[in-house]
Structure formats: structure tokens, C-alpha cells
Amino acid sequence: MAPFDLEACIQQLLRKQLLHEALLREICEKTKEVLMRESNVVHISAPVTVVGDIHGFVISLLASFLPSDEPIDDFSIISFRLI
């Protein structure tokens, strides 16, 4: 398989055209390969909750400690919490 042309992919997306699933999978695999070589990548086992910058929202911080199966009804929580 020939390597994909990243610039062509970007131009296609800028024209609001979708990329084929196989191409998206290839992009994800290449991204994964690059990230796995990075020294700042930490390998951890699932399940895990990732909490980003909460900008001082204490309620959002507290909600990040809820079990994953708890409902989230605050949009500011959804914006930084991956389950």
C-alpha cells in the first residue's frame, strides 16, 4: 500500500469531502506508531478517566471522581471527561 498524502487529505477535508474509512484507519495507525515512540507517552491499563484543564470549575473536578456509570448532566463535565 502506498503511503497516504497528508496534504491531499487536508485539502479534501477543507473541501468538506469525507475521507474513506480505510484511509482514516491508516491515519490512526500511523498516528499511533508516532505517539508510541514519544518519550512523554505513558502506558496505562484501562479503565481510566482522563481529566483535562477544568479552568477552576470545582464541581467539574469533583464530578471527575464519580464512577464512570454515573450520569453526567453538566456540559462542562462532558467537555473534559473521557470514559
PDB file of N, CA and C in Angstrom:
ATOM      1  N   MET A   1       0.846  -1.190   0.000  1.00  0.00           N
ATOM      2  CA  MET A   1       0.000   0.000   0.000  1.00  0.00           C
ATOM      3  C   MET A   1       0.883   1.242   0.000  1.00  0.00           C
ATOM      4  N   ALA A   2       0.615   2.147  -0.903  1.00  0.00           N
ATOM      5  CA  ALA A   2       1.367   3.390  -0.994  1.00  0.00           C
ATOM      6  C   ALA A   2       1.045   4.280   0.204  1.00  0.00           C
ATOM      7  N   PRO A   3       2.036   5.042   0.683  1.00  0.00           N
ATOM      8  CA  PRO A   3       1.757   5.948   1.804  1.00  0.00           C
ATOM      9  C   PRO A   3       0.743   7.013   1.395  1.00  0.00           C
ATOM     10  N   PHE A   4      -0.087   7.378   2.339  1.00  0.00           N
ATOM     11  CA  PHE A   4      -1.104   8.389   2.037  1.00  0.00           C
ATOM     12  C   PHE A   4      -0.472   9.774   1.983  1.00  0.00           C
ATOM     13  N   ASP A   5      -1.113  10.663   1.255  1.00  0.00           N
ATOM     14  CA  ASP A   5      -0.646  12.044   1.095  1.00  0.00           C
ATOM     15  C   ASP A   5      -1.415  12.901   2.090  1.00  0.00           C
ATOM     16  N   LEU A   6      -0.759  13.261   3.187  1.00  0.00           N
ATOM     17  CA  LEU A   6      -1.417  14.015   4.250  1.00  0.00           C
ATOM     18  C   LEU A   6      -1.954  15.351   3.744  1.00  0.00           C
ATOM     19  N   GLU A   7      -1.185  16.034   2.921  1.00  0.00           N
ATOM     20  CA  GLU A   7      -1.633  17.332   2.386  1.00  0.00           C
ATOM     21  C   GLU A   7      -2.898  17.159   1.545  1.00  0.00           C
ATOM     22  N   ALA A   8      -2.960  16.087   0.751  1.00  0.00           N
ATOM     23  CA  ALA A   8      -4.161  15.818  -0.052  1.00  0.00           C
ATOM     24  C   ALA A   8      -5.357  15.540   0.853  1.00  0.00           C
ATOM     25  N   CYS A   9      -5.127  14.843   1.960  1.00  0.00           N
ATOM     26  CA  CYS A   9      -6.208  14.570   2.920  1.00  0.00           C
ATOM     27  C   CYS A   9      -6.739  15.877   3.514  1.00  0.00           C
ATOM     28  N   ILE A  10      -5.831  16.751   3.889  1.00  0.00           N
ATOM     29  CA  ILE A  10      -6.224  18.041   4.467  1.00  0.00           C
ATOM     30  C   ILE A  10      -7.029  18.846   3.451  1.00  0.00           C
ATOM     31  N   GLN A  11      -6.566  18.889   2.217  1.00  0.00           N
ATOM     32  CA  GLN A  11      -7.278  19.639   1.180  1.00  0.00           C
ATOM     33  C   GLN A  11      -8.665  19.054   0.938  1.00  0.00           C
ATOM     34  N   GLN A  12      -8.767  17.736   0.954  1.00  0.00           N
ATOM     35  CA  GLN A  12     -10.062  17.084   0.765  1.00  0.00           C
ATOM     36  C   GLN A  12     -11.021  17.457   1.891  1.00  0.00           C
ATOM     37  N   LEU A  13     -10.527  17.475   3.118  1.00  0.00           N
ATOM     38  CA  LEU A  13     -11.364  17.852   4.259  1.00  0.00           C
ATOM     39  C   LEU A  13     -11.763  19.326   4.189  1.00  0.00           C
ATOM     40  N   LEU A  14     -10.847  20.177   3.736  1.00  0.00           N
ATOM     41  CA  LEU A  14     -11.174  21.595   3.591  1.00  0.00           C
ATOM     42  C   LEU A  14     -12.263  21.823   2.546  1.00  0.00           C
ATOM     43  N   ARG A  15     -12.341  20.923   1.565  1.00  0.00           N
ATOM     44  CA  ARG A  15     -13.415  20.985   0.561  1.00  0.00           C
ATOM     45  C   ARG A  15     -14.695  20.314   1.061  1.00  0.00           C
ATOM     46  N   LYS A  16     -14.677  19.936   2.369  1.00  0.00           N
ATOM     47  CA  LYS A  16     -15.826  19.294   3.036  1.00  0.00           C
ATOM     48  C   LYS A  16     -16.182  17.954   2.395  1.00  0.00           C
ATOM     49  N   GLN A  17     -15.142  17.234   1.976  1.00  0.00           N
ATOM     50  CA  GLN A  17     -15.308  15.896   1.432  1.00  0.00           C
ATOM     51  C   GLN A  17     -14.805  14.888   2.457  1.00  0.00           C
ATOM     52  N   LEU A  18     -15.535  13.808   2.603  1.00  0.00           N
ATOM     53  CA  LEU A  18     -15.166  12.788   3.577  1.00  0.00           C
ATOM     54  C   LEU A  18     -13.994  11.954   3.084  1.00  0.00           C
ATOM     55  N   LEU A  19     -13.230  11.434   4.046  1.00  0.00           N
ATOM     56  CA  LEU A  19     -12.152  10.504   3.735  1.00  0.00           C
ATOM     57  C   LEU A  19     -12.696   9.085   3.855  1.00  0.00           C
ATOM     58  N   HIS A  20     -12.158   8.175   3.053  1.00  0.00           N
ATOM     59  CA  HIS A  20     -12.604   6.785   3.115  1.00  0.00           C
ATOM     60  C   HIS A  20     -12.181   6.153   4.442  1.00  0.00           C
ATOM     61  N   GLU A  21     -12.964   5.198   4.894  1.00  0.00           N
ATOM     62  CA  GLU A  21     -12.693   4.539   6.176  1.00  0.00           C
ATOM     63  C   GLU A  21     -11.296   3.924   6.214  1.00  0.00           C
ATOM     64  N   ALA A  22     -10.884   3.274   5.138  1.00  0.00           N
ATOM     65  CA  ALA A  22      -9.561   2.642   5.107  1.00  0.00           C
ATOM     66  C   ALA A  22      -8.453   3.683   5.295  1.00  0.00           C
ATOM     67  N   LEU A  23      -8.623   4.855   4.707  1.00  0.00           N
ATOM     68  CA  LEU A  23      -7.641   5.925   4.850  1.00  0.00           C
ATOM     69  C   LEU A  23      -7.613   6.442   6.284  1.00  0.00           C
ATOM     70  N   LEU A  24      -8.793   6.589   6.888  1.00  0.00           N
ATOM     71  CA  LEU A  24      -8.858   7.042   8.280  1.00  0.00           C
ATOM     72  C   LEU A  24      -8.179   6.037   9.208  1.00  0.00           C
ATOM     73  N   ARG A  25      -8.401   4.752   8.944  1.00  0.00           N
ATOM     74  CA  ARG A  25      -7.745   3.719   9.756  1.00  0.00           C
ATOM     75  C   ARG A  25      -6.221   3.799   9.612  1.00  0.00           C
ATOM     76  N   GLU A  26      -5.750   4.041   8.394  1.00  0.00           N
ATOM     77  CA  GLU A  26      -4.316   4.154   8.160  1.00  0.00           C
ATOM     78  C   GLU A  26      -3.745   5.373   8.893  1.00  0.00           C
ATOM     79  N   ILE A  27      -4.464   6.483   8.833  1.00  0.00           N
ATOM     80  CA  ILE A  27      -4.021   7.690   9.548  1.00  0.00           C
ATOM     81  C   ILE A  27      -3.944   7.415  11.048  1.00  0.00           C
ATOM     82  N   CYS A  28      -4.946   6.731  11.586  1.00  0.00           N
ATOM     83  CA  CYS A  28      -4.945   6.396  13.021  1.00  0.00           C
ATOM     84  C   CYS A  28      -3.776   5.487  13.378  1.00  0.00           C
ATOM     85  N   GLU A  29      -3.500   4.494  12.540  1.00  0.00           N
ATOM     86  CA  GLU A  29      -2.385   3.583  12.795  1.00  0.00           C
ATOM     87  C   GLU A  29      -1.052   4.321  12.758  1.00  0.00           C
ATOM     88  N   LYS A  30      -0.868   5.182  11.773  1.00  0.00           N
ATOM     89  CA  LYS A  30       0.375   5.956  11.684  1.00  0.00           C
ATOM     90  C   LYS A  30       0.532   6.883  12.885  1.00  0.00           C
ATOM     91  N   THR A  31      -0.573   7.496  13.293  1.00  0.00           N
ATOM     92  CA  THR A  31      -0.548   8.377  14.467  1.00  0.00           C
ATOM     93  C   THR A  31      -0.161   7.584  15.702  1.00  0.00           C
ATOM     94  N   LYS A  32      -0.745   6.405  15.851  1.00  0.00           N
ATOM     95  CA  LYS A  32      -0.435   5.543  16.990  1.00  0.00           C
ATOM     96  C   LYS A  32       1.051   5.183  16.994  1.00  0.00           C
ATOM     97  N   GLU A  33       1.599   4.843  15.831  1.00  0.00           N
ATOM     98  CA  GLU A  33       3.022   4.497  15.737  1.00  0.00           C
ATOM     99  C   GLU A  33       3.902   5.668  16.179  1.00  0.00           C
ATOM    100  N   VAL A  34       3.561   6.862  15.736  1.00  0.00           N
ATOM    101  CA  VAL A  34       4.348   8.049  16.104  1.00  0.00           C
ATOM    102  C   VAL A  34       4.253   8.306  17.605  1.00  0.00           C
ATOM    103  N   LEU A  35       3.043   8.249  18.146  1.00  0.00           N
ATOM    104  CA  LEU A  35       2.857   8.523  19.570  1.00  0.00           C
ATOM    105  C   LEU A  35       3.539   7.488  20.455  1.00  0.00           C
ATOM    106  N   MET A  36       3.563   6.239  20.021  1.00  0.00           N
ATOM    107  CA  MET A  36       4.194   5.185  20.816  1.00  0.00           C
ATOM    108  C   MET A  36       5.707   5.406  20.937  1.00  0.00           C
ATOM    109  N   ARG A  37       6.295   6.124  19.991  1.00  0.00           N
ATOM    110  CA  ARG A  37       7.734   6.407  20.038  1.00  0.00           C
ATOM    111  C   ARG A  37       8.059   7.637  20.887  1.00  0.00           C
ATOM    112  N   GLU A  38       7.054   8.393  21.263  1.00  0.00           N
ATOM    113  CA  GLU A  38       7.277   9.619  22.041  1.00  0.00           C
ATOM    114  C   GLU A  38       7.662   9.280  23.475  1.00  0.00           C
ATOM    115  N   SER A  39       8.608  10.017  24.012  1.00  0.00           N
ATOM    116  CA  SER A  39       9.064   9.757  25.382  1.00  0.00           C
ATOM    117  C   SER A  39       8.071  10.231  26.441  1.00  0.00           C
ATOM    118  N   ASN A  40       7.155  11.105  26.063  1.00  0.00           N
ATOM    119  CA  ASN A  40       6.212  11.635  27.053  1.00  0.00           C
ATOM    120  C   ASN A  40       4.896  10.860  27.085  1.00  0.00           C
ATOM    121  N   VAL A  41       4.813   9.742  26.370  1.00  0.00           N
ATOM    122  CA  VAL A  41       3.606   8.924  26.377  1.00  0.00           C
ATOM    123  C   VAL A  41       3.712   7.913  27.511  1.00  0.00           C
ATOM    124  N   VAL A  42       2.692   7.872  28.349  1.00  0.00           N
ATOM    125  CA  VAL A  42       2.660   6.958  29.478  1.00  0.00           C
ATOM    126  C   VAL A  42       1.735   5.805  29.129  1.00  0.00           C
ATOM    127  N   HIS A  43       2.203   4.589  29.302  1.00  0.00           N
ATOM    128  CA  HIS A  43       1.397   3.408  29.019  1.00  0.00           C
ATOM    129  C   HIS A  43       0.653   3.008  30.290  1.00  0.00           C
ATOM    130  N   ILE A  44      -0.679   3.006  30.215  1.00  0.00           N
ATOM    131  CA  ILE A  44      -1.517   2.651  31.353  1.00  0.00           C
ATOM    132  C   ILE A  44      -2.573   1.650  30.908  1.00  0.00           C
ATOM    133  N   SER A  45      -3.142   0.947  31.869  1.00  0.00           N
ATOM    134  CA  SER A  45      -4.183  -0.030  31.574  1.00  0.00           C
ATOM    135  C   SER A  45      -5.551   0.586  31.789  1.00  0.00           C
ATOM    136  N   ALA A  46      -6.515   0.158  30.982  1.00  0.00           N
ATOM    137  CA  ALA A  46      -7.902   0.609  31.113  1.00  0.00           C
ATOM    138  C   ALA A  46      -8.544  -0.116  32.297  1.00  0.00           C
ATOM    139  N   PRO A  47      -9.590   0.389  32.880  1.00  0.00           N
ATOM    140  CA  PRO A  47     -10.273   1.640  32.553  1.00  0.00           C
ATOM    141  C   PRO A  47      -9.559   2.837  33.174  1.00  0.00           C
ATOM    142  N   VAL A  48      -9.723   3.986  32.542  1.00  0.00           N
ATOM    143  CA  VAL A  48      -9.074   5.198  33.011  1.00  0.00           C
ATOM    144  C   VAL A  48      -9.968   6.396  32.690  1.00  0.00           C
ATOM    145  N   THR A  49      -9.937   7.388  33.532  1.00  0.00           N
ATOM    146  CA  THR A  49     -10.638   8.639  33.270  1.00  0.00           C
ATOM    147  C   THR A  49      -9.597   9.711  33.034  1.00  0.00           C
ATOM    148  N   VAL A  50      -9.720  10.422  31.927  1.00  0.00           N
ATOM    149  CA  VAL A  50      -8.785  11.490  31.591  1.00  0.00           C
ATOM    150  C   VAL A  50      -9.449  12.811  31.929  1.00  0.00           C
ATOM    151  N   VAL A  51      -8.781  13.617  32.738  1.00  0.00           N
ATOM    152  CA  VAL A  51      -9.312  14.919  33.138  1.00  0.00           C
ATOM    153  C   VAL A  51      -8.371  15.985  32.616  1.00  0.00           C
ATOM    154  N   GLY A  52      -8.915  16.919  31.856  1.00  0.00           N
ATOM    155  CA  GLY A  52      -8.107  17.998  31.305  1.00  0.00           C
ATOM    156  C   GLY A  52      -8.157  19.232  32.179  1.00  0.00           C
ATOM    157  N   ASP A  53      -7.834  20.359  31.602  1.00  0.00           N
ATOM    158  CA  ASP A  53      -7.832  21.633  32.305  1.00  0.00           C
ATOM    159  C   ASP A  53      -9.264  22.038  32.597  1.00  0.00           C
ATOM    160  N   ILE A  54      -9.625  22.153  33.863  1.00  0.00           N
ATOM    161  CA  ILE A  54     -11.018  22.428  34.217  1.00  0.00           C
ATOM    162  C   ILE A  54     -11.295  23.908  34.478  1.00  0.00           C
ATOM    163  N   HIS A  55     -10.276  24.747  34.361  1.00  0.00           N
ATOM    164  CA  HIS A  55     -10.442  26.208  34.475  1.00  0.00           C
ATOM    165  C   HIS A  55     -11.160  26.633  35.747  1.00  0.00           C
ATOM    166  N   GLY A  56     -10.841  26.001  36.872  1.00  0.00           N
ATOM    167  CA  GLY A  56     -11.372  26.441  38.150  1.00  0.00           C
ATOM    168  C   GLY A  56     -12.773  25.966  38.490  1.00  0.00           C
ATOM    169  N   PHE A  57     -13.361  25.083  37.685  1.00  0.00           N
ATOM    170  CA  PHE A  57     -14.699  24.581  37.983  1.00  0.00           C
ATOM    171  C   PHE A  57     -14.600  23.437  38.985  1.00  0.00           C
ATOM    172  N   VAL A  58     -14.787  23.757  40.263  1.00  0.00           N
ATOM    173  CA  VAL A  58     -14.646  22.767  41.327  1.00  0.00           C
ATOM    174  C   VAL A  58     -15.678  21.649  41.164  1.00  0.00           C
ATOM    175  N   ILE A  59     -16.887  21.982  40.751  1.00  0.00           N
ATOM    176  CA  ILE A  59     -17.925  20.965  40.549  1.00  0.00           C
ATOM    177  C   ILE A  59     -17.468  19.964  39.495  1.00  0.00           C
ATOM    178  N   SER A  60     -16.858  20.446  38.423  1.00  0.00           N
ATOM    179  CA  SER A  60     -16.350  19.562  37.382  1.00  0.00           C
ATOM    180  C   SER A  60     -15.242  18.665  37.923  1.00  0.00           C
ATOM    181  N   LEU A  61     -14.376  19.228  38.752  1.00  0.00           N
ATOM    182  CA  LEU A  61     -13.310  18.433  39.356  1.00  0.00           C
ATOM    183  C   LEU A  61     -13.896  17.324  40.218  1.00  0.00           C
ATOM    184  N   LEU A  62     -14.851  17.674  41.056  1.00  0.00           N
ATOM    185  CA  LEU A  62     -15.479  16.672  41.922  1.00  0.00           C
ATOM    186  C   LEU A  62     -16.195  15.604  41.095  1.00  0.00           C
ATOM    187  N   ALA A  63     -16.848  16.013  40.035  1.00  0.00           N
ATOM    188  CA  ALA A  63     -17.576  15.061  39.194  1.00  0.00           C
ATOM    189  C   ALA A  63     -16.631  14.083  38.510  1.00  0.00           C
ATOM    190  N   SER A  64     -15.381  14.477  38.308  1.00  0.00           N
ATOM    191  CA  SER A  64     -14.434  13.573  37.657  1.00  0.00           C
ATOM    192  C   SER A  64     -14.116  12.366  38.534  1.00  0.00           C
ATOM    193  N   PHE A  65     -14.439  12.441  39.822  1.00  0.00           N
ATOM    194  CA  PHE A  65     -14.201  11.320  40.722  1.00  0.00           C
ATOM    195  C   PHE A  65     -15.406  10.387  40.830  1.00  0.00           C
ATOM    196  N   LEU A  66     -16.503  10.718  40.164  1.00  0.00           N
ATOM    197  CA  LEU A  66     -17.668   9.840  40.159  1.00  0.00           C
ATOM    198  C   LEU A  66     -17.357   8.564  39.387  1.00  0.00           C
ATOM    199  N   PRO A  67     -17.993   7.464  39.766  1.00  0.00           N
ATOM    200  CA  PRO A  67     -17.830   6.243  38.954  1.00  0.00           C
ATOM    201  C   PRO A  67     -18.293   6.518  37.527  1.00  0.00           C
ATOM    202  N   SER A  68     -17.682   5.835  36.563  1.00  0.00           N
ATOM    203  CA  SER A  68     -17.972   6.072  35.150  1.00  0.00           C
ATOM    204  C   SER A  68     -19.421   5.856  34.771  1.00  0.00           C
ATOM    205  N   ASP A  69     -20.139   5.016  35.502  1.00  0.00           N
ATOM    206  CA  ASP A  69     -21.525   4.737  35.123  1.00  0.00           C
ATOM    207  C   ASP A  69     -22.512   5.755  35.681  1.00  0.00           C
ATOM    208  N   GLU A  70     -22.011   6.748  36.409  1.00  0.00           N
ATOM    209  CA  GLU A  70     -22.889   7.809  36.908  1.00  0.00           C
ATOM    210  C   GLU A  70     -23.267   8.738  35.758  1.00  0.00           C
ATOM    211  N   PRO A  71     -24.522   9.208  35.735  1.00  0.00           N
ATOM    212  CA  PRO A  71     -24.904  10.134  34.662  1.00  0.00           C
ATOM    213  C   PRO A  71     -24.186  11.477  34.802  1.00  0.00           C
ATOM    214  N   ILE A  72     -23.855  12.054  33.670  1.00  0.00           N
ATOM    215  CA  ILE A  72     -23.224  13.373  33.650  1.00  0.00           C
ATOM    216  C   ILE A  72     -24.246  14.340  33.071  1.00  0.00           C
ATOM    217  N   ASP A  73     -24.709  15.289  33.876  1.00  0.00           N
ATOM    218  CA  ASP A  73     -25.728  16.205  33.381  1.00  0.00           C
ATOM    219  C   ASP A  73     -25.232  17.648  33.299  1.00  0.00           C
ATOM    220  N   ASP A  74     -23.929  17.853  33.381  1.00  0.00           N
ATOM    221  CA  ASP A  74     -23.342  19.179  33.274  1.00  0.00           C
ATOM    222  C   ASP A  74     -22.440  19.190  32.046  1.00  0.00           C
ATOM    223  N   PHE A  75     -22.743  20.027  31.054  1.00  0.00           N
ATOM    224  CA  PHE A  75     -21.987  20.031  29.802  1.00  0.00           C
ATOM    225  C   PHE A  75     -20.511  20.323  30.024  1.00  0.00           C
ATOM    226  N   SER A  76     -20.175  21.142  31.016  1.00  0.00           N
ATOM    227  CA  SER A  76     -18.768  21.451  31.245  1.00  0.00           C
ATOM    228  C   SER A  76     -17.993  20.205  31.657  1.00  0.00           C
ATOM    229  N   ILE A  77     -18.663  19.226  32.228  1.00  0.00           N
ATOM    230  CA  ILE A  77     -18.014  17.971  32.594  1.00  0.00           C
ATOM    231  C   ILE A  77     -17.761  17.149  31.337  1.00  0.00           C
ATOM    232  N   ILE A  78     -18.737  17.101  30.455  1.00  0.00           N
ATOM    233  CA  ILE A  78     -18.611  16.321  29.233  1.00  0.00           C
ATOM    234  C   ILE A  78     -17.437  16.811  28.402  1.00  0.00           C
ATOM    235  N   SER A  79     -17.159  18.100  28.446  1.00  0.00           N
ATOM    236  CA  SER A  79     -16.119  18.663  27.594  1.00  0.00           C
ATOM    237  C   SER A  79     -14.720  18.195  27.965  1.00  0.00           C
ATOM    238  N   PHE A  80     -14.501  17.663  29.168  1.00  0.00           N
ATOM    239  CA  PHE A  80     -13.163  17.244  29.520  1.00  0.00           C
ATOM    240  C   PHE A  80     -13.066  15.819  30.012  1.00  0.00           C
ATOM    241  N   ARG A  81     -14.161  15.094  30.074  1.00  0.00           N
ATOM    242  CA  ARG A  81     -14.129  13.761  30.650  1.00  0.00           C
ATOM    243  C   ARG A  81     -14.294  12.705  29.582  1.00  0.00           C
ATOM    244  N   LEU A  82     -13.335  11.799  29.478  1.00  0.00           N
ATOM    245  CA  LEU A  82     -13.423  10.682  28.547  1.00  0.00           C
ATOM    246  C   LEU A  82     -13.703   9.434  29.350  1.00  0.00           C
ATOM    247  N   ILE A  83     -14.643   8.664  28.888  1.00  0.00           N
ATOM    248  CA  ILE A  83     -14.999   7.438  29.615  1.00  0.00           C
ATOM    249  C   ILE A  83     -14.681   6.251  28.729  1.00  0.00           C
TER     250      ILE A  83
END
